[in-house]
Amino acid sequence: MKKISLVITMVLCVLLTGCSSDEKDSKRSSNNTSTNSPANNNSSSNNNNQSQSGAAGFDMDTLANELELANKISGNPENLDLSGIGAKEARLYGNILLVFFDIDNNSGWYDVYNAGKASINGQEILMGGAVGLYMIFFMDNNIDQDAVRIFQRAGGYIA
């Protein structure tokens, strides 16, 4: 009788431990998806759409659409090559510049984020905010806080 009780106890321990471990892994995974830092956005996938939209489910088009709906930007953007600062995509809408940084080059993102500005064609421009691998800049260095809030809210960041 003691042997049966021991076996049942051991089986229950193994089953409960397995469930507990899965729950912790699940919670850990969901916690990693809610960050605003690119350091936790590392992905082994080379799928461009996945790396651009990230876990939050937004991309450059989503950010631009929200700013356009709020009348902060309009018209067709000018695409800029900012690969020199680690950017994968950059769109200029008049005074507002939206930049997506390359996930494989996080150092560019960190350099710009820590400086709070970037040098574009010899002109230093101020960063207004960042969400994940995306940043918003203002070419005239007058940061529109309303545009920054819209940008961050569209990216899932609630301040």
C-alpha atoms as a PDB file:
ATOM      1  CA  MET A   1       0.000   0.000   0.000  1.00  0.00           C
ATOM      2  CA  LYS A   2       2.865   2.395   0.773  1.00  0.00           C
ATOM      3  CA  LYS A   3       4.397   1.715  -2.658  1.00  0.00           C
ATOM      4  CA  ILE A   4       1.165   2.628  -4.460  1.00  0.00           C
ATOM      5  CA  SER A   5       0.836   5.830  -2.438  1.00  0.00           C
ATOM      6  CA  LEU A   6       4.450   6.720  -3.209  1.00  0.00           C
ATOM      7  CA  VAL A   7       3.974   6.100  -6.944  1.00  0.00           C
ATOM      8  CA  ILE A   8       0.775   8.176  -7.036  1.00  0.00           C
ATOM      9  CA  THR A   9       2.467  11.000  -5.138  1.00  0.00           C
ATOM     10  CA  MET A  10       5.436  11.002  -7.515  1.00  0.00           C
ATOM     11  CA  VAL A  11       3.178  11.018 -10.591  1.00  0.00           C
ATOM     12  CA  LEU A  12       1.202  13.944  -9.196  1.00  0.00           C
ATOM     13  CA  CYS A  13       4.406  15.843  -8.417  1.00  0.00           C
ATOM     14  CA  VAL A  14       5.701  15.352 -11.959  1.00  0.00           C
ATOM     15  CA  LEU A  15       2.396  16.396 -13.511  1.00  0.00           C
ATOM     16  CA  LEU A  16       1.989  19.454 -11.314  1.00  0.00           C
ATOM     17  CA  THR A  17       5.584  20.536 -11.829  1.00  0.00           C
ATOM     18  CA  GLY A  18       5.182  20.263 -15.600  1.00  0.00           C
ATOM     19  CA  CYS A  19       2.050  22.433 -15.566  1.00  0.00           C
ATOM     20  CA  SER A  20       3.664  24.977 -13.304  1.00  0.00           C
ATOM     21  CA  SER A  21       6.685  25.258 -15.589  1.00  0.00           C
ATOM     22  CA  ASP A  22       4.494  25.751 -18.666  1.00  0.00           C
ATOM     23  CA  GLU A  23       2.555  28.509 -16.928  1.00  0.00           C
ATOM     24  CA  LYS A  24       5.762  30.323 -15.990  1.00  0.00           C
ATOM     25  CA  ASP A  25       7.100  30.045 -19.546  1.00  0.00           C
ATOM     26  CA  SER A  26       3.803  31.340 -20.898  1.00  0.00           C
ATOM     27  CA  LYS A  27       3.831  34.323 -18.521  1.00  0.00           C
ATOM     28  CA  ARG A  28       7.483  35.020 -19.278  1.00  0.00           C
ATOM     29  CA  SER A  29       6.746  34.958 -23.008  1.00  0.00           C
ATOM     30  CA  SER A  30       3.806  37.336 -22.709  1.00  0.00           C
ATOM     31  CA  ASN A  31       5.830  39.734 -20.549  1.00  0.00           C
ATOM     32  CA  ASN A  32       8.581  39.953 -23.158  1.00  0.00           C
ATOM     33  CA  THR A  33       6.169  41.122 -25.832  1.00  0.00           C
ATOM     34  CA  SER A  34       5.107  44.285 -24.041  1.00  0.00           C
ATOM     35  CA  THR A  35       8.415  46.135 -24.006  1.00  0.00           C
ATOM     36  CA  ASN A  36       9.345  49.323 -25.831  1.00  0.00           C
ATOM     37  CA  SER A  37      13.025  48.487 -26.113  1.00  0.00           C
ATOM     38  CA  PRO A  38      14.448  46.820 -29.209  1.00  0.00           C
ATOM     39  CA  ALA A  39      16.743  44.723 -27.048  1.00  0.00           C
ATOM     40  CA  ASN A  40      13.860  42.363 -26.340  1.00  0.00           C
ATOM     41  CA  ASN A  41      12.615  42.314 -29.920  1.00  0.00           C
ATOM     42  CA  ASN A  42      15.319  39.943 -31.167  1.00  0.00           C
ATOM     43  CA  SER A  43      13.832  37.460 -33.574  1.00  0.00           C
ATOM     44  CA  SER A  44      15.440  34.527 -35.293  1.00  0.00           C
ATOM     45  CA  SER A  45      13.039  34.987 -38.187  1.00  0.00           C
ATOM     46  CA  ASN A  46      14.172  36.945 -41.214  1.00  0.00           C
ATOM     47  CA  ASN A  47      10.576  37.653 -42.171  1.00  0.00           C
ATOM     48  CA  ASN A  48      10.519  41.402 -42.837  1.00  0.00           C
ATOM     49  CA  ASN A  49       6.830  41.795 -42.045  1.00  0.00           C
ATOM     50  CA  GLN A  50       7.215  40.029 -38.722  1.00  0.00           C
ATOM     51  CA  SER A  51      10.213  42.117 -37.687  1.00  0.00           C
ATOM     52  CA  GLN A  52       8.511  45.351 -38.715  1.00  0.00           C
ATOM     53  CA  SER A  53       5.202  44.716 -37.032  1.00  0.00           C
ATOM     54  CA  GLY A  54       6.742  43.025 -33.993  1.00  0.00           C
ATOM     55  CA  ALA A  55       4.686  41.496 -31.234  1.00  0.00           C
ATOM     56  CA  ALA A  56       2.530  44.587 -30.791  1.00  0.00           C
ATOM     57  CA  GLY A  57       1.063  44.272 -34.290  1.00  0.00           C
ATOM     58  CA  PHE A  58       1.868  47.736 -35.635  1.00  0.00           C
ATOM     59  CA  ASP A  59       4.101  48.916 -38.453  1.00  0.00           C
ATOM     60  CA  MET A  60       5.190  52.108 -40.204  1.00  0.00           C
ATOM     61  CA  ASP A  61       1.865  52.342 -42.081  1.00  0.00           C
ATOM     62  CA  THR A  62      -0.121  52.102 -38.832  1.00  0.00           C
ATOM     63  CA  LEU A  63       1.918  54.889 -37.245  1.00  0.00           C
ATOM     64  CA  ALA A  64       1.618  57.092 -40.342  1.00  0.00           C
ATOM     65  CA  ASN A  65      -2.133  56.454 -40.670  1.00  0.00           C
ATOM     66  CA  GLU A  66      -2.790  57.486 -37.064  1.00  0.00           C
ATOM     67  CA  LEU A  67      -0.780  60.682 -37.513  1.00  0.00           C
ATOM     68  CA  GLU A  68      -2.626  61.402 -40.766  1.00  0.00           C
ATOM     69  CA  LEU A  69      -6.034  60.871 -39.128  1.00  0.00           C
ATOM     70  CA  ALA A  70      -5.023  63.456 -36.506  1.00  0.00           C
ATOM     71  CA  ASN A  71      -3.964  65.902 -39.268  1.00  0.00           C
ATOM     72  CA  LYS A  72      -0.331  65.828 -38.147  1.00  0.00           C
ATOM     73  CA  ILE A  73       0.953  64.606 -41.529  1.00  0.00           C
ATOM     74  CA  SER A  74      -0.448  64.552 -45.054  1.00  0.00           C
ATOM     75  CA  GLY A  75       0.482  63.706 -48.598  1.00  0.00           C
ATOM     76  CA  ASN A  76       2.958  61.235 -49.966  1.00  0.00           C
ATOM     77  CA  PRO A  77       6.128  60.778 -47.947  1.00  0.00           C
ATOM     78  CA  GLU A  78       9.647  61.231 -49.202  1.00  0.00           C
ATOM     79  CA  ASN A  79      11.608  58.028 -48.606  1.00  0.00           C
ATOM     80  CA  LEU A  80      15.066  58.701 -47.194  1.00  0.00           C
ATOM     81  CA  ASP A  81      18.097  56.433 -46.999  1.00  0.00           C
ATOM     82  CA  LEU A  82      19.262  56.633 -43.393  1.00  0.00           C
ATOM     83  CA  SER A  83      21.146  53.349 -43.312  1.00  0.00           C
ATOM     84  CA  GLY A  84      24.137  55.291 -42.004  1.00  0.00           C
ATOM     85  CA  ILE A  85      22.435  55.589 -38.608  1.00  0.00           C
ATOM     86  CA  GLY A  86      21.102  52.016 -38.678  1.00  0.00           C
ATOM     87  CA  ALA A  87      17.667  52.807 -40.104  1.00  0.00           C
ATOM     88  CA  LYS A  88      15.943  50.295 -42.319  1.00  0.00           C
ATOM     89  CA  GLU A  89      13.172  52.654 -43.465  1.00  0.00           C
ATOM     90  CA  ALA A  90      12.629  56.395 -43.144  1.00  0.00           C
ATOM     91  CA  ARG A  91       9.684  58.476 -44.360  1.00  0.00           C
ATOM     92  CA  LEU A  92       9.600  62.259 -44.312  1.00  0.00           C
ATOM     93  CA  TYR A  93       6.178  63.936 -44.150  1.00  0.00           C
ATOM     94  CA  GLY A  94       6.976  67.645 -44.251  1.00  0.00           C
ATOM     95  CA  ASN A  95       8.329  68.394 -40.780  1.00  0.00           C
ATOM     96  CA  ILE A  96       7.818  64.885 -39.346  1.00  0.00           C
ATOM     97  CA  LEU A  97      10.254  62.057 -39.987  1.00  0.00           C
ATOM     98  CA  LEU A  98       9.277  58.472 -39.104  1.00  0.00           C
ATOM     99  CA  VAL A  99      12.165  56.010 -38.844  1.00  0.00           C
ATOM    100  CA  PHE A 100      12.240  52.222 -38.486  1.00  0.00           C
ATOM    101  CA  PHE A 101      15.537  50.796 -37.274  1.00  0.00           C
ATOM    102  CA  ASP A 102      17.060  47.514 -38.403  1.00  0.00           C
ATOM    103  CA  ILE A 103      16.529  44.811 -35.780  1.00  0.00           C
ATOM    104  CA  ASP A 104      19.959  43.402 -36.637  1.00  0.00           C
ATOM    105  CA  ASN A 105      21.615  46.762 -35.876  1.00  0.00           C
ATOM    106  CA  ASN A 106      20.320  47.719 -32.432  1.00  0.00           C
ATOM    107  CA  SER A 107      23.427  49.811 -31.777  1.00  0.00           C
ATOM    108  CA  GLY A 108      22.158  52.460 -34.215  1.00  0.00           C
ATOM    109  CA  TRP A 109      18.867  52.657 -32.326  1.00  0.00           C
ATOM    110  CA  TYR A 110      20.649  52.932 -28.964  1.00  0.00           C
ATOM    111  CA  ASP A 111      23.054  55.605 -30.216  1.00  0.00           C
ATOM    112  CA  VAL A 112      20.225  57.790 -31.506  1.00  0.00           C
ATOM    113  CA  TYR A 113      17.976  57.109 -28.502  1.00  0.00           C
ATOM    114  CA  ASN A 114      20.702  57.963 -25.987  1.00  0.00           C
ATOM    115  CA  ALA A 115      21.638  61.149 -27.862  1.00  0.00           C
ATOM    116  CA  GLY A 116      18.000  62.187 -28.340  1.00  0.00           C
ATOM    117  CA  LYS A 117      18.854  63.412 -31.812  1.00  0.00           C
ATOM    118  CA  ALA A 118      20.280  62.324 -35.144  1.00  0.00           C
ATOM    119  CA  SER A 119      22.350  63.950 -37.828  1.00  0.00           C
ATOM    120  CA  ILE A 120      20.547  63.816 -41.173  1.00  0.00           C
ATOM    121  CA  ASN A 121      22.358  65.285 -44.183  1.00  0.00           C
ATOM    122  CA  GLY A 122      24.486  67.419 -41.877  1.00  0.00           C
ATOM    123  CA  GLN A 123      21.471  68.735 -39.954  1.00  0.00           C
ATOM    124  CA  GLU A 124      20.879  67.712 -36.345  1.00  0.00           C
ATOM    125  CA  ILE A 125      17.246  66.930 -35.663  1.00  0.00           C
ATOM    126  CA  LEU A 126      15.570  66.144 -32.356  1.00  0.00           C
ATOM    127  CA  MET A 127      13.881  62.847 -31.608  1.00  0.00           C
ATOM    128  CA  GLY A 128      10.385  63.289 -30.231  1.00  0.00           C
ATOM    129  CA  GLY A 129       9.808  59.732 -29.070  1.00  0.00           C
ATOM    130  CA  ALA A 130      10.347  56.033 -29.649  1.00  0.00           C
ATOM    131  CA  VAL A 131       8.200  52.913 -29.671  1.00  0.00           C
ATOM    132  CA  GLY A 132      10.054  49.650 -30.183  1.00  0.00           C
ATOM    133  CA  LEU A 133      12.304  50.061 -33.206  1.00  0.00           C
ATOM    134  CA  TYR A 134      10.415  53.167 -34.427  1.00  0.00           C
ATOM    135  CA  MET A 135      11.262  56.806 -33.767  1.00  0.00           C
ATOM    136  CA  ILE A 136       9.628  60.111 -34.608  1.00  0.00           C
ATOM    137  CA  PHE A 137      11.756  63.176 -35.398  1.00  0.00           C
ATOM    138  CA  PHE A 138      10.913  66.819 -36.072  1.00  0.00           C
ATOM    139  CA  MET A 139      12.920  68.503 -38.816  1.00  0.00           C
ATOM    140  CA  ASP A 140      12.454  72.029 -37.408  1.00  0.00           C
ATOM    141  CA  ASN A 141      13.371  70.802 -33.888  1.00  0.00           C
ATOM    142  CA  ASN A 142      10.015  71.987 -32.517  1.00  0.00           C
ATOM    143  CA  ILE A 143       8.647  68.823 -30.954  1.00  0.00           C
ATOM    144  CA  ASP A 144       4.869  68.522 -31.307  1.00  0.00           C
ATOM    145  CA  GLN A 145       3.940  66.710 -28.080  1.00  0.00           C
ATOM    146  CA  ASP A 146       0.482  65.885 -29.428  1.00  0.00           C
ATOM    147  CA  ALA A 147       2.051  64.148 -32.449  1.00  0.00           C
ATOM    148  CA  VAL A 148       4.396  62.260 -30.116  1.00  0.00           C
ATOM    149  CA  ARG A 149       1.460  61.058 -27.995  1.00  0.00           C
ATOM    150  CA  ILE A 150      -0.428  59.901 -31.110  1.00  0.00           C
ATOM    151  CA  PHE A 151       2.705  58.127 -32.377  1.00  0.00           C
ATOM    152  CA  GLN A 152       3.270  56.358 -29.062  1.00  0.00           C
ATOM    153  CA  ARG A 153      -0.388  55.435 -28.607  1.00  0.00           C
ATOM    154  CA  ALA A 154      -0.510  53.966 -32.141  1.00  0.00           C
ATOM    155  CA  GLY A 155       2.526  51.877 -31.190  1.00  0.00           C
ATOM    156  CA  GLY A 156       0.826  50.562 -28.076  1.00  0.00           C
ATOM    157  CA  TYR A 157       2.684  52.734 -25.565  1.00  0.00           C
ATOM    158  CA  ILE A 158       0.418  54.414 -23.034  1.00  0.00           C
ATOM    159  CA  ALA A 159       2.149  57.051 -20.911  1.00  0.00           C
END
